[in-house]
Amino acid sequence: IGSMLGCLKKYRTPNSLVLNGGDDFQGTPISNFTRGKSQIELLNLYNIDAFVLGNHEFDYSQYSLDSALKLAKFDVLSANVFMSSKNSLMGKPNVIKTINGVKFGIIGITLPELFTTSLPLNVTDLVMLNTDSVIQAGITELKAQNTDVIILLTHAGLDADKELAAKFFADVDIIVGGHSHTTLFKPVIVSGVVIVQ
């Protein structure tokens, strides 16, 4: 945690956006013990601007995640994961952040293959909405609010991000991705869309 906070302190400026591509719940005994709540408390310390739900956020079940997210002091995004029992999305579909007078619209997309990457019992209450449809709806909503820059914050992998860039290059400017853990020493540019991880 110290090294991450140190990096953020070193490089963050008032003109920075700090975005998290998901899968924070995996890999530590304390996360297992608290069923993810410890990870939300750690993320609160980072003062991130937005976080997208990854598939490992569902490792302790949709209900544990729903409970843990109540502790979040940051915007949790996911435009395509719908929780039937609550009749609502598990995260916000999008959010606008204004930095130095520029309006950045951020749309969150969780891995469309969530059901094949999670234990079936952990996702029984969920419905995956069509990715292209929710992205287009988000673009329409954000453009109606005169957003200057549109970002997709995705947990889908680099190959999927490239496909999204090729589809939505007319409106999307940047994709900040996760899931595939691809080391990118410089951004990948697809149809003018800047892709980073």
N, C-alpha and C. Protein backbone atom coordinates (compact mmCIF):
# COMPACT_ATOMS: atom_id res chain seq x y z
N ILE A 1 0.83 -1.20 0.00
CA ILE A 1 0.00 0.00 0.00
C ILE A 1 0.87 1.26 0.00
N GLY A 2 2.00 1.21 0.75
CA GLY A 2 2.86 2.38 0.83
C GLY A 2 3.44 2.77 -0.52
N SER A 3 3.89 1.78 -1.29
CA SER A 3 4.49 2.08 -2.59
C SER A 3 3.45 2.65 -3.55
N MET A 4 2.22 2.12 -3.50
CA MET A 4 1.18 2.64 -4.38
C MET A 4 0.83 4.08 -4.02
N LEU A 5 0.65 4.34 -2.72
CA LEU A 5 0.35 5.70 -2.29
C LEU A 5 1.51 6.64 -2.62
N GLY A 6 2.74 6.12 -2.50
CA GLY A 6 3.91 6.92 -2.83
C GLY A 6 3.93 7.32 -4.30
N CYS A 7 3.60 6.37 -5.17
CA CYS A 7 3.55 6.66 -6.61
C CYS A 7 2.46 7.69 -6.92
N LEU A 8 1.30 7.50 -6.30
CA LEU A 8 0.21 8.45 -6.54
C LEU A 8 0.60 9.85 -6.08
N LYS A 9 1.23 9.92 -4.90
CA LYS A 9 1.64 11.22 -4.36
C LYS A 9 2.68 11.88 -5.26
N LYS A 10 3.57 11.05 -5.82
CA LYS A 10 4.66 11.59 -6.65
C LYS A 10 4.15 12.13 -7.98
N TYR A 11 3.22 11.40 -8.60
CA TYR A 11 2.84 11.73 -9.97
C TYR A 11 1.50 12.45 -10.09
N ARG A 12 0.66 12.38 -9.07
CA ARG A 12 -0.66 12.99 -9.19
C ARG A 12 -0.57 14.51 -9.09
N THR A 13 -1.32 15.18 -9.95
CA THR A 13 -1.41 16.64 -9.91
C THR A 13 -2.90 16.99 -9.90
N PRO A 14 -3.24 18.26 -9.72
CA PRO A 14 -4.66 18.64 -9.80
C PRO A 14 -5.29 18.35 -11.16
N ASN A 15 -4.45 18.09 -12.18
CA ASN A 15 -4.95 17.79 -13.52
C ASN A 15 -4.95 16.29 -13.83
N SER A 16 -4.84 15.45 -12.80
CA SER A 16 -4.80 14.00 -13.00
C SER A 16 -6.16 13.35 -12.81
N LEU A 17 -6.38 12.26 -13.55
CA LEU A 17 -7.48 11.34 -13.31
C LEU A 17 -6.87 10.02 -12.85
N VAL A 18 -7.34 9.49 -11.73
CA VAL A 18 -6.84 8.20 -11.25
C VAL A 18 -7.96 7.18 -11.40
N LEU A 19 -7.74 6.22 -12.32
CA LEU A 19 -8.76 5.23 -12.65
C LEU A 19 -8.23 3.84 -12.35
N ASN A 20 -9.12 2.97 -11.86
CA ASN A 20 -8.74 1.60 -11.50
C ASN A 20 -9.52 0.62 -12.38
N GLY A 21 -8.80 -0.29 -13.04
CA GLY A 21 -9.41 -1.22 -13.99
C GLY A 21 -9.96 -2.50 -13.39
N GLY A 22 -10.10 -2.57 -12.06
CA GLY A 22 -10.77 -3.71 -11.44
C GLY A 22 -9.85 -4.84 -11.02
N ASP A 23 -10.47 -5.88 -10.42
CA ASP A 23 -9.78 -7.05 -9.86
C ASP A 23 -8.91 -6.68 -8.66
N ASP A 24 -9.46 -5.91 -7.75
CA ASP A 24 -8.74 -5.57 -6.53
C ASP A 24 -8.99 -6.58 -5.41
N PHE A 25 -9.99 -7.43 -5.56
CA PHE A 25 -10.39 -8.32 -4.48
C PHE A 25 -9.57 -9.60 -4.39
N GLN A 26 -8.69 -9.84 -5.33
CA GLN A 26 -8.02 -11.13 -5.44
C GLN A 26 -6.66 -11.13 -4.79
N GLY A 27 -6.32 -12.28 -4.14
CA GLY A 27 -4.91 -12.56 -3.88
C GLY A 27 -4.35 -12.29 -2.50
N THR A 28 -5.14 -11.80 -1.54
CA THR A 28 -4.56 -11.56 -0.22
C THR A 28 -5.42 -12.23 0.86
N PRO A 29 -4.78 -12.74 1.91
CA PRO A 29 -5.54 -13.37 3.01
C PRO A 29 -6.53 -12.41 3.66
N ILE A 30 -6.14 -11.14 3.81
CA ILE A 30 -7.04 -10.18 4.47
C ILE A 30 -8.29 -9.95 3.61
N SER A 31 -8.13 -9.96 2.29
CA SER A 31 -9.29 -9.83 1.42
C SER A 31 -10.22 -11.02 1.59
N ASN A 32 -9.62 -12.23 1.69
CA ASN A 32 -10.44 -13.42 1.91
C ASN A 32 -11.19 -13.32 3.24
N PHE A 33 -10.49 -12.89 4.27
CA PHE A 33 -11.07 -12.83 5.62
C PHE A 33 -12.22 -11.82 5.69
N THR A 34 -12.05 -10.68 5.04
CA THR A 34 -13.08 -9.61 5.10
C THR A 34 -14.05 -9.67 3.93
N ARG A 35 -13.88 -10.66 3.05
CA ARG A 35 -14.72 -10.82 1.87
C ARG A 35 -14.74 -9.54 1.02
N GLY A 36 -13.55 -8.96 0.88
CA GLY A 36 -13.36 -7.82 0.00
C GLY A 36 -13.47 -6.45 0.63
N LYS A 37 -14.04 -6.37 1.82
CA LYS A 37 -14.24 -5.04 2.43
C LYS A 37 -12.91 -4.34 2.70
N SER A 38 -11.88 -5.11 3.03
CA SER A 38 -10.56 -4.49 3.28
C SER A 38 -10.05 -3.79 2.02
N GLN A 39 -10.35 -4.37 0.86
CA GLN A 39 -9.85 -3.78 -0.38
C GLN A 39 -10.56 -2.46 -0.69
N ILE A 40 -11.83 -2.38 -0.38
CA ILE A 40 -12.55 -1.12 -0.56
C ILE A 40 -11.97 -0.05 0.37
N GLU A 41 -11.65 -0.44 1.60
CA GLU A 41 -11.07 0.52 2.55
C GLU A 41 -9.70 1.00 2.07
N LEU A 42 -8.92 0.10 1.46
CA LEU A 42 -7.63 0.51 0.91
C LEU A 42 -7.81 1.45 -0.27
N LEU A 43 -8.76 1.11 -1.15
CA LEU A 43 -9.01 1.97 -2.30
C LEU A 43 -9.49 3.35 -1.87
N ASN A 44 -10.20 3.43 -0.76
CA ASN A 44 -10.62 4.73 -0.24
C ASN A 44 -9.42 5.61 0.06
N LEU A 45 -8.32 5.01 0.51
CA LEU A 45 -7.11 5.78 0.84
C LEU A 45 -6.47 6.37 -0.41
N TYR A 46 -6.66 5.74 -1.56
CA TYR A 46 -6.04 6.19 -2.80
C TYR A 46 -6.77 7.40 -3.40
N ASN A 47 -7.97 7.68 -2.94
CA ASN A 47 -8.74 8.81 -3.47
C ASN A 47 -8.86 8.72 -4.99
N ILE A 48 -9.25 7.53 -5.48
CA ILE A 48 -9.36 7.34 -6.92
C ILE A 48 -10.61 8.04 -7.45
N ASP A 49 -10.60 8.34 -8.73
CA ASP A 49 -11.74 9.02 -9.35
C ASP A 49 -12.82 8.05 -9.79
N ALA A 50 -12.42 6.86 -10.23
CA ALA A 50 -13.42 5.86 -10.64
C ALA A 50 -12.79 4.48 -10.64
N PHE A 51 -13.62 3.49 -10.38
CA PHE A 51 -13.22 2.09 -10.31
C PHE A 51 -14.25 1.27 -11.07
N VAL A 52 -13.80 0.36 -11.93
CA VAL A 52 -14.74 -0.51 -12.65
C VAL A 52 -14.70 -1.90 -12.01
N LEU A 53 -15.85 -2.52 -11.89
CA LEU A 53 -15.90 -3.87 -11.32
C LEU A 53 -15.25 -4.88 -12.26
N GLY A 54 -14.31 -5.66 -11.73
CA GLY A 54 -13.71 -6.75 -12.46
C GLY A 54 -14.35 -8.07 -12.06
N ASN A 55 -13.98 -9.14 -12.74
CA ASN A 55 -14.59 -10.43 -12.42
C ASN A 55 -14.23 -10.92 -11.02
N HIS A 56 -13.03 -10.58 -10.53
CA HIS A 56 -12.65 -11.05 -9.19
C HIS A 56 -13.35 -10.31 -8.06
N GLU A 57 -13.98 -9.20 -8.37
CA GLU A 57 -14.80 -8.55 -7.34
C GLU A 57 -15.99 -9.44 -6.94
N PHE A 58 -16.29 -10.43 -7.77
CA PHE A 58 -17.42 -11.33 -7.49
C PHE A 58 -16.98 -12.64 -6.85
N ASP A 59 -15.71 -12.73 -6.44
CA ASP A 59 -15.19 -13.98 -5.87
C ASP A 59 -15.89 -14.39 -4.57
N TYR A 60 -16.43 -13.41 -3.85
CA TYR A 60 -17.09 -13.71 -2.58
C TYR A 60 -18.60 -13.62 -2.71
N SER A 61 -19.10 -13.58 -3.91
CA SER A 61 -20.51 -13.56 -4.29
C SER A 61 -20.99 -12.13 -4.54
N GLN A 62 -22.06 -12.04 -5.33
CA GLN A 62 -22.64 -10.75 -5.66
C GLN A 62 -23.14 -10.02 -4.42
N TYR A 63 -23.59 -10.78 -3.41
CA TYR A 63 -24.15 -10.15 -2.21
C TYR A 63 -23.06 -9.57 -1.32
N SER A 64 -21.93 -10.29 -1.19
CA SER A 64 -20.80 -9.76 -0.43
C SER A 64 -20.26 -8.50 -1.09
N LEU A 65 -20.20 -8.53 -2.42
CA LEU A 65 -19.73 -7.36 -3.15
C LEU A 65 -20.66 -6.18 -2.94
N ASP A 66 -21.95 -6.43 -3.05
CA ASP A 66 -22.94 -5.36 -2.86
C ASP A 66 -22.78 -4.73 -1.48
N SER A 67 -22.53 -5.56 -0.47
CA SER A 67 -22.32 -5.06 0.89
C SER A 67 -21.03 -4.25 1.00
N ALA A 68 -19.95 -4.77 0.41
CA ALA A 68 -18.65 -4.09 0.48
C ALA A 68 -18.68 -2.73 -0.21
N LEU A 69 -19.40 -2.65 -1.31
CA LEU A 69 -19.43 -1.40 -2.09
C LEU A 69 -20.09 -0.26 -1.33
N LYS A 70 -20.88 -0.57 -0.31
CA LYS A 70 -21.50 0.49 0.50
C LYS A 70 -20.44 1.30 1.25
N LEU A 71 -19.23 0.76 1.39
CA LEU A 71 -18.15 1.46 2.09
C LEU A 71 -17.35 2.37 1.16
N ALA A 72 -17.57 2.26 -0.15
CA ALA A 72 -16.75 2.98 -1.12
C ALA A 72 -16.99 4.48 -1.06
N LYS A 73 -15.89 5.24 -1.05
CA LYS A 73 -15.96 6.70 -1.08
C LYS A 73 -15.52 7.21 -2.46
N PHE A 74 -15.66 6.37 -3.46
CA PHE A 74 -15.30 6.70 -4.84
C PHE A 74 -16.39 6.15 -5.74
N ASP A 75 -16.37 6.58 -7.00
CA ASP A 75 -17.38 6.13 -7.95
C ASP A 75 -17.07 4.73 -8.46
N VAL A 76 -17.99 3.81 -8.21
CA VAL A 76 -17.88 2.44 -8.72
C VAL A 76 -18.73 2.34 -9.99
N LEU A 77 -18.09 1.92 -11.08
CA LEU A 77 -18.78 1.89 -12.37
C LEU A 77 -18.99 0.46 -12.88
N SER A 78 -20.09 0.25 -13.55
CA SER A 78 -20.36 -0.96 -14.33
C SER A 78 -21.70 -0.76 -15.01
N ALA A 79 -21.65 -0.48 -16.29
CA ALA A 79 -22.87 -0.20 -17.03
C ALA A 79 -23.58 -1.47 -17.49
N ASN A 80 -22.91 -2.62 -17.34
CA ASN A 80 -23.46 -3.84 -17.95
C ASN A 80 -23.75 -4.98 -16.98
N VAL A 81 -23.59 -4.76 -15.66
CA VAL A 81 -23.93 -5.80 -14.68
C VAL A 81 -25.17 -5.37 -13.91
N PHE A 82 -26.25 -6.09 -14.12
CA PHE A 82 -27.56 -5.77 -13.53
C PHE A 82 -27.91 -6.80 -12.46
N MET A 83 -28.28 -6.31 -11.27
CA MET A 83 -28.64 -7.19 -10.15
C MET A 83 -30.15 -7.30 -10.07
N SER A 84 -30.65 -8.49 -10.34
CA SER A 84 -32.10 -8.69 -10.46
C SER A 84 -32.84 -8.38 -9.17
N SER A 85 -32.32 -8.84 -8.02
CA SER A 85 -33.05 -8.67 -6.76
C SER A 85 -33.18 -7.21 -6.35
N LYS A 86 -32.25 -6.37 -6.80
CA LYS A 86 -32.32 -4.94 -6.50
C LYS A 86 -32.90 -4.12 -7.65
N ASN A 87 -33.08 -4.79 -8.78
CA ASN A 87 -33.61 -4.12 -9.98
C ASN A 87 -32.77 -2.89 -10.34
N SER A 88 -31.46 -3.07 -10.26
CA SER A 88 -30.56 -1.95 -10.57
C SER A 88 -29.19 -2.47 -10.97
N LEU A 89 -28.41 -1.58 -11.57
CA LEU A 89 -27.03 -1.91 -11.90
C LEU A 89 -26.21 -2.05 -10.62
N MET A 90 -25.13 -2.83 -10.69
CA MET A 90 -24.27 -2.99 -9.51
C MET A 90 -23.34 -1.79 -9.33
N GLY A 91 -23.15 -1.01 -10.38
CA GLY A 91 -22.38 0.22 -10.28
C GLY A 91 -23.06 1.30 -11.07
N LYS A 92 -22.50 2.49 -11.04
CA LYS A 92 -23.03 3.56 -11.89
C LYS A 92 -22.66 3.25 -13.33
N PRO A 93 -23.53 3.58 -14.29
CA PRO A 93 -23.14 3.33 -15.68
C PRO A 93 -22.03 4.25 -16.16
N ASN A 94 -22.04 5.48 -15.66
CA ASN A 94 -21.01 6.44 -16.08
C ASN A 94 -20.94 7.57 -15.06
N VAL A 95 -19.91 8.37 -15.20
CA VAL A 95 -19.72 9.52 -14.31
C VAL A 95 -18.95 10.59 -15.08
N ILE A 96 -19.16 11.83 -14.72
CA ILE A 96 -18.43 12.95 -15.33
C ILE A 96 -17.50 13.56 -14.30
N LYS A 97 -16.25 13.73 -14.66
CA LYS A 97 -15.26 14.41 -13.82
C LYS A 97 -14.77 15.64 -14.57
N THR A 98 -14.83 16.80 -13.93
CA THR A 98 -14.35 18.04 -14.56
C THR A 98 -12.98 18.39 -14.00
N ILE A 99 -12.02 18.49 -14.90
CA ILE A 99 -10.65 18.80 -14.51
C ILE A 99 -10.17 19.98 -15.33
N ASN A 100 -9.83 21.04 -14.62
CA ASN A 100 -9.31 22.25 -15.29
C ASN A 100 -10.25 22.72 -16.39
N GLY A 101 -11.56 22.62 -16.12
CA GLY A 101 -12.56 23.09 -17.07
C GLY A 101 -12.93 22.12 -18.17
N VAL A 102 -12.28 20.96 -18.21
CA VAL A 102 -12.56 19.93 -19.22
C VAL A 102 -13.43 18.84 -18.61
N LYS A 103 -14.53 18.50 -19.28
CA LYS A 103 -15.45 17.48 -18.78
C LYS A 103 -15.10 16.11 -19.36
N PHE A 104 -14.70 15.20 -18.48
CA PHE A 104 -14.36 13.84 -18.87
C PHE A 104 -15.51 12.92 -18.48
N GLY A 105 -16.11 12.27 -19.46
CA GLY A 105 -17.16 11.29 -19.20
C GLY A 105 -16.55 9.90 -19.21
N ILE A 106 -16.82 9.13 -18.15
CA ILE A 106 -16.21 7.81 -17.99
C ILE A 106 -17.32 6.77 -17.92
N ILE A 107 -17.27 5.79 -18.84
CA ILE A 107 -18.24 4.70 -18.88
C ILE A 107 -17.55 3.43 -18.40
N GLY A 108 -18.17 2.72 -17.45
CA GLY A 108 -17.57 1.50 -16.91
C GLY A 108 -18.13 0.24 -17.54
N ILE A 109 -17.25 -0.66 -17.97
CA ILE A 109 -17.65 -1.92 -18.58
C ILE A 109 -16.93 -3.08 -17.88
N THR A 110 -17.73 -4.00 -17.33
CA THR A 110 -17.20 -5.21 -16.70
C THR A 110 -17.12 -6.32 -17.74
N LEU A 111 -16.18 -7.23 -17.54
CA LEU A 111 -15.96 -8.35 -18.45
C LEU A 111 -17.28 -8.99 -18.88
N PRO A 112 -17.62 -8.92 -20.17
CA PRO A 112 -18.88 -9.52 -20.63
C PRO A 112 -18.98 -11.02 -20.35
N GLU A 113 -17.81 -11.70 -20.26
CA GLU A 113 -17.78 -13.14 -20.00
C GLU A 113 -17.76 -13.44 -18.50
N LEU A 114 -18.34 -12.56 -17.69
CA LEU A 114 -18.31 -12.71 -16.24
C LEU A 114 -18.79 -14.09 -15.79
N PHE A 115 -19.83 -14.60 -16.42
CA PHE A 115 -20.42 -15.86 -15.98
C PHE A 115 -19.49 -17.05 -16.19
N THR A 116 -18.58 -16.95 -17.15
CA THR A 116 -17.65 -18.05 -17.40
C THR A 116 -16.36 -17.91 -16.61
N THR A 117 -16.16 -16.77 -15.92
CA THR A 117 -14.95 -16.55 -15.13
C THR A 117 -15.23 -16.54 -13.64
N SER A 118 -16.49 -16.76 -13.24
CA SER A 118 -16.88 -16.75 -11.84
C SER A 118 -17.57 -18.06 -11.48
N LEU A 119 -17.52 -18.42 -10.21
CA LEU A 119 -18.28 -19.58 -9.76
C LEU A 119 -19.77 -19.30 -9.98
N PRO A 120 -20.50 -20.25 -10.53
CA PRO A 120 -21.92 -20.01 -10.85
C PRO A 120 -22.75 -19.49 -9.66
N LEU A 121 -22.50 -20.01 -8.46
CA LEU A 121 -23.28 -19.58 -7.29
C LEU A 121 -23.03 -18.11 -6.95
N ASN A 122 -21.90 -17.57 -7.38
CA ASN A 122 -21.55 -16.19 -7.04
C ASN A 122 -22.25 -15.16 -7.91
N VAL A 123 -22.87 -15.60 -9.00
CA VAL A 123 -23.45 -14.65 -9.96
C VAL A 123 -24.89 -15.02 -10.36
N THR A 124 -25.56 -15.79 -9.51
CA THR A 124 -26.91 -16.26 -9.85
C THR A 124 -27.92 -15.14 -9.96
N ASP A 125 -27.67 -14.01 -9.28
CA ASP A 125 -28.63 -12.91 -9.23
C ASP A 125 -28.36 -11.85 -10.30
N LEU A 126 -27.43 -12.14 -11.18
CA LEU A 126 -26.97 -11.11 -12.12
C LEU A 126 -27.42 -11.37 -13.55
N VAL A 127 -27.57 -10.28 -14.28
CA VAL A 127 -27.85 -10.32 -15.71
C VAL A 127 -26.80 -9.44 -16.40
N MET A 128 -26.15 -9.98 -17.43
CA MET A 128 -25.19 -9.19 -18.18
C MET A 128 -25.91 -8.49 -19.33
N LEU A 129 -25.85 -7.17 -19.34
CA LEU A 129 -26.49 -6.39 -20.41
C LEU A 129 -25.56 -6.33 -21.62
N ASN A 130 -26.14 -6.08 -22.77
CA ASN A 130 -25.36 -6.02 -24.00
C ASN A 130 -24.35 -4.87 -23.96
N THR A 131 -23.09 -5.22 -24.15
CA THR A 131 -22.00 -4.25 -24.00
C THR A 131 -22.14 -3.08 -24.98
N ASP A 132 -22.34 -3.38 -26.25
CA ASP A 132 -22.44 -2.31 -27.25
C ASP A 132 -23.61 -1.38 -26.94
N SER A 133 -24.71 -1.95 -26.51
CA SER A 133 -25.91 -1.14 -26.23
C SER A 133 -25.68 -0.18 -25.08
N VAL A 134 -25.05 -0.66 -23.99
CA VAL A 134 -24.85 0.22 -22.84
C VAL A 134 -23.79 1.27 -23.12
N ILE A 135 -22.80 0.93 -23.94
CA ILE A 135 -21.80 1.93 -24.31
C ILE A 135 -22.45 3.02 -25.15
N GLN A 136 -23.27 2.63 -26.12
CA GLN A 136 -23.93 3.63 -26.96
C GLN A 136 -24.86 4.51 -26.14
N ALA A 137 -25.58 3.90 -25.18
CA ALA A 137 -26.46 4.68 -24.31
C ALA A 137 -25.65 5.66 -23.48
N GLY A 138 -24.49 5.22 -22.99
CA GLY A 138 -23.63 6.10 -22.20
C GLY A 138 -23.09 7.24 -23.02
N ILE A 139 -22.67 6.95 -24.24
CA ILE A 139 -22.17 8.01 -25.14
C ILE A 139 -23.25 9.05 -25.38
N THR A 140 -24.46 8.59 -25.66
CA THR A 140 -25.57 9.51 -25.91
C THR A 140 -25.83 10.39 -24.69
N GLU A 141 -25.84 9.78 -23.51
CA GLU A 141 -26.09 10.53 -22.27
C GLU A 141 -24.98 11.54 -22.00
N LEU A 142 -23.75 11.13 -22.18
CA LEU A 142 -22.62 12.02 -21.90
C LEU A 142 -22.54 13.17 -22.90
N LYS A 143 -22.81 12.88 -24.17
CA LYS A 143 -22.77 13.95 -25.18
C LYS A 143 -23.88 14.97 -24.93
N ALA A 144 -25.03 14.50 -24.41
CA ALA A 144 -26.13 15.41 -24.09
C ALA A 144 -25.74 16.37 -22.97
N GLN A 145 -24.74 15.99 -22.18
CA GLN A 145 -24.25 16.86 -21.09
C GLN A 145 -22.98 17.61 -21.50
N ASN A 146 -22.75 17.67 -22.82
CA ASN A 146 -21.62 18.42 -23.38
C ASN A 146 -20.27 17.98 -22.83
N THR A 147 -20.11 16.67 -22.73
CA THR A 147 -18.83 16.11 -22.29
C THR A 147 -17.77 16.33 -23.37
N ASP A 148 -16.57 16.72 -22.94
CA ASP A 148 -15.49 17.02 -23.88
C ASP A 148 -14.72 15.76 -24.31
N VAL A 149 -14.49 14.86 -23.36
CA VAL A 149 -13.68 13.66 -23.61
C VAL A 149 -14.45 12.46 -23.07
N ILE A 150 -14.53 11.39 -23.87
CA ILE A 150 -15.21 10.17 -23.41
C ILE A 150 -14.19 9.06 -23.23
N ILE A 151 -14.22 8.46 -22.04
CA ILE A 151 -13.30 7.39 -21.67
C ILE A 151 -14.10 6.13 -21.38
N LEU A 152 -13.66 4.99 -21.91
CA LEU A 152 -14.18 3.70 -21.47
C LEU A 152 -13.22 3.14 -20.44
N LEU A 153 -13.72 2.90 -19.24
CA LEU A 153 -12.94 2.25 -18.19
C LEU A 153 -13.40 0.80 -18.17
N THR A 154 -12.58 -0.09 -18.71
CA THR A 154 -13.04 -1.46 -18.97
C THR A 154 -12.26 -2.50 -18.19
N HIS A 155 -12.95 -3.57 -17.87
CA HIS A 155 -12.28 -4.77 -17.37
C HIS A 155 -12.65 -5.88 -18.36
N ALA A 156 -11.96 -5.90 -19.49
CA ALA A 156 -12.34 -6.81 -20.57
C ALA A 156 -11.14 -7.40 -21.30
N GLY A 157 -9.95 -6.82 -21.14
CA GLY A 157 -8.76 -7.31 -21.81
C GLY A 157 -8.42 -6.50 -23.05
N LEU A 158 -7.14 -6.50 -23.41
CA LEU A 158 -6.66 -5.65 -24.49
C LEU A 158 -7.31 -5.97 -25.83
N ASP A 159 -7.49 -7.25 -26.15
CA ASP A 159 -8.11 -7.61 -27.43
C ASP A 159 -9.52 -7.04 -27.53
N ALA A 160 -10.28 -7.17 -26.45
CA ALA A 160 -11.65 -6.62 -26.44
C ALA A 160 -11.62 -5.11 -26.54
N ASP A 161 -10.64 -4.48 -25.88
CA ASP A 161 -10.52 -3.02 -25.94
C ASP A 161 -10.24 -2.55 -27.37
N LYS A 162 -9.43 -3.30 -28.09
CA LYS A 162 -9.15 -2.96 -29.49
C LYS A 162 -10.43 -3.03 -30.33
N GLU A 163 -11.24 -4.05 -30.06
CA GLU A 163 -12.50 -4.20 -30.79
C GLU A 163 -13.45 -3.05 -30.48
N LEU A 164 -13.49 -2.66 -29.20
CA LEU A 164 -14.35 -1.53 -28.81
C LEU A 164 -13.87 -0.24 -29.46
N ALA A 165 -12.56 -0.05 -29.53
CA ALA A 165 -12.02 1.15 -30.18
C ALA A 165 -12.42 1.20 -31.64
N ALA A 166 -12.36 0.05 -32.32
CA ALA A 166 -12.71 0.00 -33.74
C ALA A 166 -14.19 0.30 -33.96
N LYS A 167 -15.03 -0.04 -32.98
CA LYS A 167 -16.48 0.19 -33.10
C LYS A 167 -16.87 1.61 -32.75
N PHE A 168 -16.25 2.15 -31.71
CA PHE A 168 -16.74 3.41 -31.13
C PHE A 168 -15.77 4.58 -31.28
N PHE A 169 -14.85 4.48 -32.25
CA PHE A 169 -13.83 5.52 -32.40
C PHE A 169 -14.41 6.90 -32.71
N ALA A 170 -15.62 6.95 -33.24
CA ALA A 170 -16.21 8.25 -33.58
C ALA A 170 -16.51 9.07 -32.33
N ASP A 171 -16.70 8.40 -31.20
CA ASP A 171 -17.09 9.11 -29.98
C ASP A 171 -16.14 8.89 -28.81
N VAL A 172 -15.51 7.73 -28.74
CA VAL A 172 -14.63 7.40 -27.61
C VAL A 172 -13.21 7.89 -27.91
N ASP A 173 -12.61 8.53 -26.91
CA ASP A 173 -11.26 9.09 -27.07
C ASP A 173 -10.17 8.21 -26.45
N ILE A 174 -10.49 7.63 -25.28
CA ILE A 174 -9.50 6.88 -24.50
C ILE A 174 -10.16 5.63 -23.94
N ILE A 175 -9.41 4.53 -23.90
CA ILE A 175 -9.84 3.33 -23.18
C ILE A 175 -8.78 2.99 -22.14
N VAL A 176 -9.19 2.94 -20.88
CA VAL A 176 -8.32 2.50 -19.80
C VAL A 176 -8.80 1.10 -19.41
N GLY A 177 -7.96 0.09 -19.68
CA GLY A 177 -8.41 -1.28 -19.55
C GLY A 177 -7.76 -2.05 -18.41
N GLY A 178 -8.30 -3.25 -18.20
CA GLY A 178 -7.77 -4.19 -17.23
C GLY A 178 -8.01 -5.61 -17.72
N HIS A 179 -7.88 -6.57 -16.83
CA HIS A 179 -8.19 -7.98 -17.00
C HIS A 179 -7.07 -8.78 -17.65
N SER A 180 -6.53 -8.35 -18.77
CA SER A 180 -5.52 -9.17 -19.45
C SER A 180 -4.11 -8.94 -18.89
N HIS A 181 -3.96 -7.93 -18.02
CA HIS A 181 -2.66 -7.64 -17.38
C HIS A 181 -1.55 -7.47 -18.42
N THR A 182 -1.88 -6.80 -19.50
CA THR A 182 -0.93 -6.59 -20.59
C THR A 182 -0.02 -5.41 -20.26
N THR A 183 1.29 -5.67 -20.28
CA THR A 183 2.24 -4.59 -20.03
C THR A 183 2.35 -3.72 -21.28
N LEU A 184 1.98 -2.47 -21.14
CA LEU A 184 2.05 -1.53 -22.26
C LEU A 184 3.01 -0.40 -21.88
N PHE A 185 4.15 -0.37 -22.53
CA PHE A 185 5.13 0.69 -22.25
C PHE A 185 4.77 1.98 -22.97
N LYS A 186 3.90 1.85 -23.97
CA LYS A 186 3.34 3.04 -24.61
C LYS A 186 1.91 2.68 -25.02
N PRO A 187 1.05 3.67 -25.17
CA PRO A 187 -0.34 3.39 -25.52
C PRO A 187 -0.46 2.69 -26.87
N VAL A 188 -1.52 1.88 -26.99
CA VAL A 188 -1.89 1.28 -28.26
C VAL A 188 -2.92 2.21 -28.89
N ILE A 189 -2.74 2.54 -30.15
CA ILE A 189 -3.67 3.44 -30.84
C ILE A 189 -4.46 2.63 -31.86
N VAL A 190 -5.78 2.61 -31.73
CA VAL A 190 -6.65 1.92 -32.69
C VAL A 190 -7.69 2.91 -33.19
N SER A 191 -7.65 3.20 -34.47
CA SER A 191 -8.60 4.15 -35.07
C SER A 191 -8.62 5.49 -34.33
N GLY A 192 -7.45 5.89 -33.84
CA GLY A 192 -7.33 7.16 -33.14
C GLY A 192 -7.66 7.10 -31.67
N VAL A 193 -8.14 5.95 -31.18
CA VAL A 193 -8.46 5.80 -29.76
C VAL A 193 -7.20 5.37 -29.02
N VAL A 194 -6.89 6.06 -27.93
CA VAL A 194 -5.72 5.77 -27.11
C VAL A 194 -6.10 4.68 -26.09
N ILE A 195 -5.40 3.54 -26.12
CA ILE A 195 -5.68 2.44 -25.21
C ILE A 195 -4.49 2.25 -24.27
N VAL A 196 -4.78 2.26 -22.96
CA VAL A 196 -3.76 1.99 -21.95
C VAL A 196 -4.31 0.95 -20.97
N GLN A 197 -3.42 0.41 -20.14
CA GLN A 197 -3.87 -0.51 -19.07
C GLN A 197 -3.27 -0.05 -17.76
